Amino acid sequence: TTPIRPLELMIGKLSPYIVVGLVQMGIVLGLGWLIFDVPFQGTAFSLIVITTCFIAASLTLGLLISTAAQTQMQAMQMTMFVLIPSILLSGFMFPYDAMPKAAQYISEALPATHFMRLIRGVYLRGSSTAQLLPDIIWLLGFTFIMLGIATKRFNKTLD
C-alpha cells in the first residue's frame, strides 16, 4: 500500500490538467480577441477564477466516470453521454431561453451551462466575481460532490 490517501492522489492527478486547461483557455480567448476582435470587458482574475472552477468541475466529473467504468471503451461512451448534452444544452449551440423548460432543468445539472453564463458575464459584460457568485458556488459544490463520490468509489474499485 501507498502512504498517500486516495483524495490526495486524485487531486495530484487533476492539478496539472487544471494548469493545461487554463493555458488552453488563454490561447482560445486570446485568439478570439486577436482574430475576431472579441472585446474583453472583465478582469483577468475573474476569468482565471471561473475557468479554474469549470475545469475542476469537468475533471472531477471525468474522474467519477473513470471510477464507474470498467474499460476504456465504457469510459469513452459514458463521457460522450455527458459531453453531447453539455454542448447542446449549455447555451453554447442554442439560446438557453429558447429551450423547453424540461431541457433547461436538465441543463442546470451540467457544469457547462454555469460556465457559459460565467464566461459571458466576465468576458462580454465585465461582471465582477461577486455578481457571478451563484454559478461559481454551484461549480465548486459540484466539484466537491464529484470528488467525494469518486474518492469513495476509488477505494471500492481498487481493492
N, C-alpha and C. Protein backbone atom coordinates (compact mmCIF):
# COMPACT_ATOMS: atom_id res chain seq x y z
N THR A 1 0.83 -1.19 0.00
CA THR A 1 0.00 0.00 0.00
C THR A 1 0.87 1.25 0.00
N THR A 2 0.28 2.31 -0.45
CA THR A 2 0.99 3.58 -0.52
C THR A 2 0.54 4.48 0.63
N PRO A 3 1.45 5.30 1.16
CA PRO A 3 1.06 6.18 2.27
C PRO A 3 0.14 7.33 1.85
N ILE A 4 -0.05 7.51 0.58
CA ILE A 4 -0.90 8.61 0.09
C ILE A 4 -2.36 8.19 0.11
N ARG A 5 -3.22 9.09 0.52
CA ARG A 5 -4.65 8.81 0.57
C ARG A 5 -5.26 8.99 -0.83
N PRO A 6 -6.37 8.30 -1.10
CA PRO A 6 -6.99 8.41 -2.43
C PRO A 6 -7.32 9.85 -2.84
N LEU A 7 -7.80 10.66 -1.90
CA LEU A 7 -8.13 12.05 -2.22
C LEU A 7 -6.89 12.82 -2.65
N GLU A 8 -5.78 12.61 -1.95
CA GLU A 8 -4.54 13.28 -2.31
C GLU A 8 -4.06 12.84 -3.69
N LEU A 9 -4.18 11.56 -3.97
CA LEU A 9 -3.78 11.03 -5.27
C LEU A 9 -4.61 11.66 -6.38
N MET A 10 -5.91 11.74 -6.18
CA MET A 10 -6.80 12.31 -7.20
C MET A 10 -6.52 13.79 -7.43
N ILE A 11 -6.35 14.53 -6.36
CA ILE A 11 -6.04 15.96 -6.51
C ILE A 11 -4.70 16.13 -7.23
N GLY A 12 -3.75 15.30 -6.89
CA GLY A 12 -2.45 15.35 -7.56
C GLY A 12 -2.54 15.04 -9.05
N LYS A 13 -3.40 14.12 -9.41
CA LYS A 13 -3.57 13.79 -10.82
C LYS A 13 -4.33 14.88 -11.58
N LEU A 14 -5.24 15.58 -10.91
CA LEU A 14 -6.04 16.62 -11.57
C LEU A 14 -5.28 17.94 -11.73
N SER A 15 -4.41 18.25 -10.79
CA SER A 15 -3.75 19.56 -10.77
C SER A 15 -3.06 19.95 -12.07
N PRO A 16 -2.25 19.09 -12.69
CA PRO A 16 -1.60 19.52 -13.94
C PRO A 16 -2.61 19.80 -15.05
N TYR A 17 -3.71 19.09 -15.06
CA TYR A 17 -4.72 19.30 -16.10
C TYR A 17 -5.46 20.62 -15.92
N ILE A 18 -5.55 21.08 -14.69
CA ILE A 18 -6.14 22.40 -14.46
C ILE A 18 -5.24 23.47 -15.09
N VAL A 19 -3.94 23.32 -14.90
CA VAL A 19 -2.99 24.28 -15.49
C VAL A 19 -3.06 24.21 -17.02
N VAL A 20 -3.09 23.01 -17.57
CA VAL A 20 -3.20 22.86 -19.03
C VAL A 20 -4.49 23.50 -19.53
N GLY A 21 -5.59 23.29 -18.83
CA GLY A 21 -6.87 23.89 -19.22
C GLY A 21 -6.82 25.40 -19.19
N LEU A 22 -6.16 25.97 -18.20
CA LEU A 22 -6.04 27.43 -18.12
C LEU A 22 -5.22 27.97 -19.29
N VAL A 23 -4.15 27.27 -19.64
CA VAL A 23 -3.34 27.69 -20.80
C VAL A 23 -4.17 27.61 -22.07
N GLN A 24 -4.90 26.52 -22.25
CA GLN A 24 -5.75 26.38 -23.44
C GLN A 24 -6.80 27.48 -23.50
N MET A 25 -7.42 27.78 -22.38
CA MET A 25 -8.43 28.84 -22.36
C MET A 25 -7.79 30.18 -22.73
N GLY A 26 -6.60 30.43 -22.22
CA GLY A 26 -5.90 31.66 -22.56
C GLY A 26 -5.63 31.77 -24.05
N ILE A 27 -5.23 30.66 -24.65
CA ILE A 27 -4.96 30.65 -26.09
C ILE A 27 -6.24 30.89 -26.88
N VAL A 28 -7.30 30.18 -26.55
CA VAL A 28 -8.57 30.31 -27.28
C VAL A 28 -9.12 31.73 -27.16
N LEU A 29 -9.17 32.25 -25.94
CA LEU A 29 -9.70 33.60 -25.76
C LEU A 29 -8.79 34.66 -26.37
N GLY A 30 -7.49 34.42 -26.30
CA GLY A 30 -6.54 35.34 -26.93
C GLY A 30 -6.72 35.39 -28.44
N LEU A 31 -6.92 34.23 -29.04
CA LEU A 31 -7.16 34.18 -30.49
C LEU A 31 -8.49 34.82 -30.84
N GLY A 32 -9.49 34.63 -29.99
CA GLY A 32 -10.79 35.27 -30.22
C GLY A 32 -10.65 36.79 -30.23
N TRP A 33 -9.83 37.30 -29.34
CA TRP A 33 -9.60 38.74 -29.27
C TRP A 33 -8.78 39.21 -30.47
N LEU A 34 -7.72 38.45 -30.79
CA LEU A 34 -6.80 38.84 -31.85
C LEU A 34 -7.41 38.72 -33.25
N ILE A 35 -8.04 37.60 -33.53
CA ILE A 35 -8.56 37.33 -34.88
C ILE A 35 -9.95 37.92 -35.08
N PHE A 36 -10.83 37.73 -34.11
CA PHE A 36 -12.23 38.15 -34.28
C PHE A 36 -12.57 39.45 -33.57
N ASP A 37 -11.60 40.04 -32.92
CA ASP A 37 -11.78 41.32 -32.23
C ASP A 37 -12.90 41.27 -31.19
N VAL A 38 -12.99 40.13 -30.48
CA VAL A 38 -13.98 39.99 -29.41
C VAL A 38 -13.46 40.80 -28.22
N PRO A 39 -14.21 41.78 -27.76
CA PRO A 39 -13.71 42.63 -26.68
C PRO A 39 -13.74 41.92 -25.33
N PHE A 40 -12.69 42.10 -24.57
CA PHE A 40 -12.62 41.53 -23.22
C PHE A 40 -12.95 42.64 -22.23
N GLN A 41 -14.07 42.49 -21.52
CA GLN A 41 -14.56 43.54 -20.62
C GLN A 41 -14.22 43.30 -19.15
N GLY A 42 -13.89 42.07 -18.79
CA GLY A 42 -13.70 41.73 -17.38
C GLY A 42 -12.27 41.85 -16.92
N THR A 43 -12.01 41.22 -15.77
CA THR A 43 -10.66 41.21 -15.22
C THR A 43 -10.05 39.82 -15.41
N ALA A 44 -8.73 39.80 -15.49
CA ALA A 44 -8.02 38.53 -15.63
C ALA A 44 -8.28 37.65 -14.41
N PHE A 45 -8.35 38.26 -13.24
CA PHE A 45 -8.60 37.50 -12.01
C PHE A 45 -9.93 36.75 -12.08
N SER A 46 -10.99 37.46 -12.46
CA SER A 46 -12.31 36.83 -12.57
C SER A 46 -12.30 35.71 -13.60
N LEU A 47 -11.63 35.94 -14.71
CA LEU A 47 -11.54 34.94 -15.76
C LEU A 47 -10.83 33.68 -15.26
N ILE A 48 -9.74 33.86 -14.54
CA ILE A 48 -8.99 32.72 -14.01
C ILE A 48 -9.81 31.97 -12.97
N VAL A 49 -10.52 32.70 -12.11
CA VAL A 49 -11.34 32.05 -11.08
C VAL A 49 -12.43 31.19 -11.71
N ILE A 50 -13.20 31.76 -12.64
CA ILE A 50 -14.31 31.00 -13.21
C ILE A 50 -13.82 29.84 -14.06
N THR A 51 -12.72 30.05 -14.78
CA THR A 51 -12.19 28.98 -15.63
C THR A 51 -11.66 27.84 -14.77
N THR A 52 -10.98 28.17 -13.69
CA THR A 52 -10.47 27.14 -12.78
C THR A 52 -11.63 26.33 -12.18
N CYS A 53 -12.68 27.02 -11.79
CA CYS A 53 -13.86 26.32 -11.23
C CYS A 53 -14.47 25.37 -12.25
N PHE A 54 -14.60 25.82 -13.50
CA PHE A 54 -15.19 24.97 -14.53
C PHE A 54 -14.30 23.78 -14.86
N ILE A 55 -13.01 24.03 -15.01
CA ILE A 55 -12.09 22.94 -15.33
C ILE A 55 -12.10 21.90 -14.21
N ALA A 56 -12.07 22.36 -12.97
CA ALA A 56 -12.09 21.42 -11.84
C ALA A 56 -13.39 20.61 -11.83
N ALA A 57 -14.52 21.26 -12.09
CA ALA A 57 -15.80 20.55 -12.13
C ALA A 57 -15.80 19.50 -13.24
N SER A 58 -15.30 19.87 -14.40
CA SER A 58 -15.27 18.94 -15.54
C SER A 58 -14.34 17.77 -15.26
N LEU A 59 -13.18 18.06 -14.69
CA LEU A 59 -12.22 16.99 -14.41
C LEU A 59 -12.73 16.03 -13.34
N THR A 60 -13.39 16.56 -12.32
CA THR A 60 -13.90 15.65 -11.29
C THR A 60 -15.05 14.79 -11.82
N LEU A 61 -15.82 15.32 -12.74
CA LEU A 61 -16.85 14.51 -13.39
C LEU A 61 -16.18 13.38 -14.19
N GLY A 62 -15.12 13.71 -14.89
CA GLY A 62 -14.35 12.69 -15.61
C GLY A 62 -13.76 11.66 -14.68
N LEU A 63 -13.31 12.11 -13.53
CA LEU A 63 -12.76 11.21 -12.53
C LEU A 63 -13.83 10.24 -12.04
N LEU A 64 -15.02 10.75 -11.80
CA LEU A 64 -16.13 9.89 -11.38
C LEU A 64 -16.45 8.86 -12.47
N ILE A 65 -16.48 9.31 -13.70
CA ILE A 65 -16.74 8.39 -14.82
C ILE A 65 -15.67 7.30 -14.85
N SER A 66 -14.41 7.68 -14.64
CA SER A 66 -13.33 6.68 -14.69
C SER A 66 -13.44 5.66 -13.56
N THR A 67 -14.02 6.05 -12.43
CA THR A 67 -14.19 5.08 -11.35
C THR A 67 -15.39 4.17 -11.59
N ALA A 68 -16.33 4.63 -12.41
CA ALA A 68 -17.53 3.83 -12.69
C ALA A 68 -17.31 2.88 -13.87
N ALA A 69 -16.46 3.27 -14.80
CA ALA A 69 -16.24 2.45 -16.00
C ALA A 69 -15.26 1.32 -15.70
N GLN A 70 -15.52 0.19 -16.34
CA GLN A 70 -14.63 -0.95 -16.15
C GLN A 70 -13.63 -1.09 -17.28
N THR A 71 -13.91 -0.45 -18.42
CA THR A 71 -12.98 -0.48 -19.54
C THR A 71 -12.84 0.94 -20.10
N GLN A 72 -11.80 1.12 -20.90
CA GLN A 72 -11.60 2.43 -21.52
C GLN A 72 -12.74 2.75 -22.48
N MET A 73 -13.24 1.76 -23.19
CA MET A 73 -14.35 1.98 -24.12
C MET A 73 -15.60 2.43 -23.37
N GLN A 74 -15.86 1.81 -22.25
CA GLN A 74 -17.01 2.21 -21.42
C GLN A 74 -16.85 3.66 -20.96
N ALA A 75 -15.66 4.03 -20.55
CA ALA A 75 -15.40 5.40 -20.09
C ALA A 75 -15.64 6.39 -21.23
N MET A 76 -15.20 6.06 -22.43
CA MET A 76 -15.41 6.95 -23.57
C MET A 76 -16.89 7.10 -23.89
N GLN A 77 -17.63 6.01 -23.82
CA GLN A 77 -19.07 6.08 -24.10
C GLN A 77 -19.80 6.89 -23.03
N MET A 78 -19.43 6.70 -21.79
CA MET A 78 -20.05 7.47 -20.71
C MET A 78 -19.71 8.96 -20.84
N THR A 79 -18.51 9.24 -21.27
CA THR A 79 -18.10 10.64 -21.47
C THR A 79 -18.93 11.28 -22.57
N MET A 80 -19.16 10.57 -23.66
CA MET A 80 -19.99 11.10 -24.74
C MET A 80 -21.43 11.32 -24.28
N PHE A 81 -21.89 10.44 -23.38
CA PHE A 81 -23.24 10.56 -22.84
C PHE A 81 -23.41 11.88 -22.07
N VAL A 82 -22.32 12.39 -21.51
CA VAL A 82 -22.35 13.67 -20.79
C VAL A 82 -21.96 14.83 -21.70
N LEU A 83 -20.97 14.61 -22.55
CA LEU A 83 -20.42 15.69 -23.38
C LEU A 83 -21.43 16.25 -24.38
N ILE A 84 -22.12 15.39 -25.09
CA ILE A 84 -23.05 15.86 -26.12
C ILE A 84 -24.19 16.69 -25.52
N PRO A 85 -24.85 16.22 -24.47
CA PRO A 85 -25.87 17.09 -23.85
C PRO A 85 -25.26 18.40 -23.32
N SER A 86 -24.04 18.33 -22.83
CA SER A 86 -23.40 19.55 -22.32
C SER A 86 -23.25 20.59 -23.42
N ILE A 87 -22.85 20.15 -24.60
CA ILE A 87 -22.68 21.08 -25.72
C ILE A 87 -24.03 21.61 -26.18
N LEU A 88 -24.99 20.71 -26.31
CA LEU A 88 -26.29 21.10 -26.86
C LEU A 88 -27.16 21.90 -25.88
N LEU A 89 -27.04 21.62 -24.59
CA LEU A 89 -27.95 22.23 -23.62
C LEU A 89 -27.35 23.37 -22.80
N SER A 90 -26.07 23.67 -22.99
CA SER A 90 -25.41 24.68 -22.15
C SER A 90 -25.70 26.11 -22.56
N GLY A 91 -26.28 26.28 -23.73
CA GLY A 91 -26.46 27.63 -24.25
C GLY A 91 -25.37 27.99 -25.24
N PHE A 92 -24.48 27.06 -25.50
CA PHE A 92 -23.40 27.28 -26.46
C PHE A 92 -23.92 27.20 -27.89
N MET A 93 -24.73 26.18 -28.17
CA MET A 93 -25.25 25.97 -29.52
C MET A 93 -26.59 26.65 -29.74
N PHE A 94 -27.44 26.60 -28.73
CA PHE A 94 -28.79 27.15 -28.84
C PHE A 94 -29.04 28.06 -27.64
N PRO A 95 -29.79 29.13 -27.82
CA PRO A 95 -30.07 30.02 -26.68
C PRO A 95 -30.80 29.27 -25.56
N TYR A 96 -30.30 29.45 -24.37
CA TYR A 96 -30.87 28.79 -23.19
C TYR A 96 -32.35 29.11 -23.04
N ASP A 97 -32.70 30.37 -23.20
CA ASP A 97 -34.09 30.80 -23.01
C ASP A 97 -35.04 30.25 -24.06
N ALA A 98 -34.52 29.81 -25.21
CA ALA A 98 -35.36 29.26 -26.27
C ALA A 98 -35.62 27.77 -26.09
N MET A 99 -34.93 27.15 -25.13
CA MET A 99 -35.10 25.72 -24.89
C MET A 99 -36.39 25.46 -24.12
N PRO A 100 -36.98 24.28 -24.32
CA PRO A 100 -38.13 23.89 -23.49
C PRO A 100 -37.73 23.84 -22.01
N LYS A 101 -38.68 24.05 -21.14
CA LYS A 101 -38.40 24.06 -19.69
C LYS A 101 -37.71 22.77 -19.24
N ALA A 102 -38.13 21.63 -19.77
CA ALA A 102 -37.52 20.36 -19.38
C ALA A 102 -36.03 20.35 -19.71
N ALA A 103 -35.68 20.84 -20.88
CA ALA A 103 -34.27 20.91 -21.29
C ALA A 103 -33.49 21.88 -20.40
N GLN A 104 -34.14 22.97 -20.00
CA GLN A 104 -33.49 23.93 -19.11
C GLN A 104 -33.19 23.30 -17.75
N TYR A 105 -34.13 22.51 -17.24
CA TYR A 105 -33.91 21.85 -15.95
C TYR A 105 -32.75 20.87 -16.04
N ILE A 106 -32.69 20.12 -17.12
CA ILE A 106 -31.58 19.17 -17.32
C ILE A 106 -30.27 19.92 -17.43
N SER A 107 -30.28 21.02 -18.18
CA SER A 107 -29.04 21.77 -18.41
C SER A 107 -28.47 22.36 -17.12
N GLU A 108 -29.32 22.62 -16.15
CA GLU A 108 -28.84 23.19 -14.88
C GLU A 108 -27.96 22.20 -14.11
N ALA A 109 -28.04 20.92 -14.45
CA ALA A 109 -27.21 19.91 -13.79
C ALA A 109 -25.85 19.75 -14.45
N LEU A 110 -25.60 20.50 -15.52
CA LEU A 110 -24.36 20.38 -16.28
C LEU A 110 -23.43 21.56 -15.99
N PRO A 111 -22.16 21.29 -15.69
CA PRO A 111 -21.22 22.39 -15.42
C PRO A 111 -21.09 23.38 -16.58
N ALA A 112 -21.21 22.91 -17.80
CA ALA A 112 -21.03 23.79 -18.97
C ALA A 112 -22.07 24.92 -19.00
N THR A 113 -23.27 24.65 -18.55
CA THR A 113 -24.32 25.68 -18.52
C THR A 113 -23.90 26.84 -17.61
N HIS A 114 -23.40 26.50 -16.46
CA HIS A 114 -22.99 27.52 -15.50
C HIS A 114 -21.76 28.27 -16.02
N PHE A 115 -20.86 27.55 -16.66
CA PHE A 115 -19.67 28.21 -17.21
C PHE A 115 -20.04 29.16 -18.35
N MET A 116 -20.99 28.78 -19.17
CA MET A 116 -21.40 29.68 -20.27
C MET A 116 -21.92 31.00 -19.71
N ARG A 117 -22.71 30.93 -18.65
CA ARG A 117 -23.20 32.17 -18.02
C ARG A 117 -22.03 32.98 -17.46
N LEU A 118 -21.11 32.27 -16.82
CA LEU A 118 -19.97 32.94 -16.20
C LEU A 118 -19.05 33.59 -17.24
N ILE A 119 -18.71 32.86 -18.28
CA ILE A 119 -17.76 33.38 -19.27
C ILE A 119 -18.36 34.57 -20.02
N ARG A 120 -19.65 34.49 -20.31
CA ARG A 120 -20.30 35.64 -20.95
C ARG A 120 -20.33 36.84 -20.02
N GLY A 121 -20.60 36.57 -18.75
CA GLY A 121 -20.64 37.66 -17.78
C GLY A 121 -19.30 38.35 -17.63
N VAL A 122 -18.24 37.57 -17.50
CA VAL A 122 -16.91 38.15 -17.31
C VAL A 122 -16.37 38.73 -18.61
N TYR A 123 -16.39 37.93 -19.66
CA TYR A 123 -15.72 38.32 -20.90
C TYR A 123 -16.45 39.43 -21.64
N LEU A 124 -17.76 39.32 -21.76
CA LEU A 124 -18.50 40.27 -22.59
C LEU A 124 -19.11 41.44 -21.81
N ARG A 125 -19.49 41.19 -20.53
CA ARG A 125 -20.17 42.25 -19.77
C ARG A 125 -19.30 42.86 -18.68
N GLY A 126 -18.18 42.23 -18.38
CA GLY A 126 -17.31 42.76 -17.33
C GLY A 126 -17.86 42.57 -15.93
N SER A 127 -18.70 41.56 -15.74
CA SER A 127 -19.28 41.30 -14.41
C SER A 127 -18.17 40.96 -13.41
N SER A 128 -18.38 41.37 -12.18
CA SER A 128 -17.40 41.05 -11.14
C SER A 128 -17.62 39.62 -10.65
N THR A 129 -16.62 39.10 -9.96
CA THR A 129 -16.73 37.76 -9.39
C THR A 129 -17.91 37.69 -8.42
N ALA A 130 -18.13 38.75 -7.67
CA ALA A 130 -19.24 38.78 -6.70
C ALA A 130 -20.60 38.66 -7.40
N GLN A 131 -20.75 39.29 -8.56
CA GLN A 131 -22.01 39.22 -9.30
C GLN A 131 -22.29 37.81 -9.80
N LEU A 132 -21.24 37.05 -9.99
CA LEU A 132 -21.37 35.71 -10.57
C LEU A 132 -21.32 34.61 -9.52
N LEU A 133 -21.36 35.00 -8.27
CA LEU A 133 -21.19 34.05 -7.17
C LEU A 133 -22.12 32.83 -7.20
N PRO A 134 -23.40 32.96 -7.53
CA PRO A 134 -24.25 31.75 -7.53
C PRO A 134 -23.73 30.64 -8.44
N ASP A 135 -23.30 30.98 -9.64
CA ASP A 135 -22.78 29.95 -10.55
C ASP A 135 -21.41 29.45 -10.11
N ILE A 136 -20.60 30.32 -9.53
CA ILE A 136 -19.30 29.89 -9.01
C ILE A 136 -19.50 28.90 -7.87
N ILE A 137 -20.40 29.22 -6.96
CA ILE A 137 -20.69 28.33 -5.83
C ILE A 137 -21.24 27.00 -6.33
N TRP A 138 -22.10 27.04 -7.35
CA TRP A 138 -22.64 25.80 -7.91
C TRP A 138 -21.50 24.93 -8.45
N LEU A 139 -20.58 25.53 -9.22
CA LEU A 139 -19.46 24.76 -9.78
C LEU A 139 -18.57 24.19 -8.68
N LEU A 140 -18.31 24.98 -7.65
CA LEU A 140 -17.48 24.48 -6.55
C LEU A 140 -18.19 23.34 -5.81
N GLY A 141 -19.48 23.48 -5.57
CA GLY A 141 -20.24 22.41 -4.93
C GLY A 141 -20.22 21.14 -5.76
N PHE A 142 -20.43 21.29 -7.06
CA PHE A 142 -20.39 20.15 -7.98
C PHE A 142 -19.03 19.47 -7.91
N THR A 143 -17.97 20.28 -7.92
CA THR A 143 -16.60 19.75 -7.87
C THR A 143 -16.39 18.92 -6.61
N PHE A 144 -16.77 19.46 -5.47
CA PHE A 144 -16.55 18.74 -4.21
C PHE A 144 -17.42 17.49 -4.11
N ILE A 145 -18.63 17.55 -4.59
CA ILE A 145 -19.51 16.37 -4.58
C ILE A 145 -18.94 15.27 -5.48
N MET A 146 -18.55 15.63 -6.70
CA MET A 146 -17.99 14.63 -7.62
C MET A 146 -16.69 14.05 -7.08
N LEU A 147 -15.85 14.91 -6.50
CA LEU A 147 -14.59 14.44 -5.93
C LEU A 147 -14.84 13.50 -4.76
N GLY A 148 -15.82 13.83 -3.93
CA GLY A 148 -16.16 12.97 -2.80
C GLY A 148 -16.67 11.61 -3.25
N ILE A 149 -17.57 11.61 -4.22
CA ILE A 149 -18.11 10.34 -4.72
C ILE A 149 -17.01 9.53 -5.40
N ALA A 150 -16.18 10.18 -6.21
CA ALA A 150 -15.09 9.48 -6.90
C ALA A 150 -14.11 8.89 -5.90
N THR A 151 -13.84 9.61 -4.83
CA THR A 151 -12.92 9.12 -3.80
C THR A 151 -13.49 7.87 -3.13
N LYS A 152 -14.77 7.90 -2.81
CA LYS A 152 -15.41 6.72 -2.21
C LYS A 152 -15.38 5.53 -3.17
N ARG A 153 -15.69 5.79 -4.42
CA ARG A 153 -15.69 4.71 -5.42
C ARG A 153 -14.28 4.21 -5.67
N PHE A 154 -13.32 5.07 -5.63
CA PHE A 154 -11.93 4.71 -5.86
C PHE A 154 -11.48 3.66 -4.84
N ASN A 155 -11.83 3.85 -3.60
CA ASN A 155 -11.48 2.88 -2.56
C ASN A 155 -12.09 1.52 -2.84
N LYS A 156 -13.33 1.51 -3.29
CA LYS A 156 -14.03 0.25 -3.51
C LYS A 156 -13.56 -0.47 -4.76
N THR A 157 -13.20 0.27 -5.80
CA THR A 157 -12.89 -0.38 -7.06
C THR A 157 -11.45 -0.88 -7.15
N LEU A 158 -10.56 -0.36 -6.32
CA LEU A 158 -9.17 -0.80 -6.42
C LEU A 158 -8.84 -1.95 -5.48
N ASP A 159 -9.75 -2.35 -4.62
CA ASP A 159 -9.48 -3.46 -3.69
C ASP A 159 -9.56 -4.80 -4.38
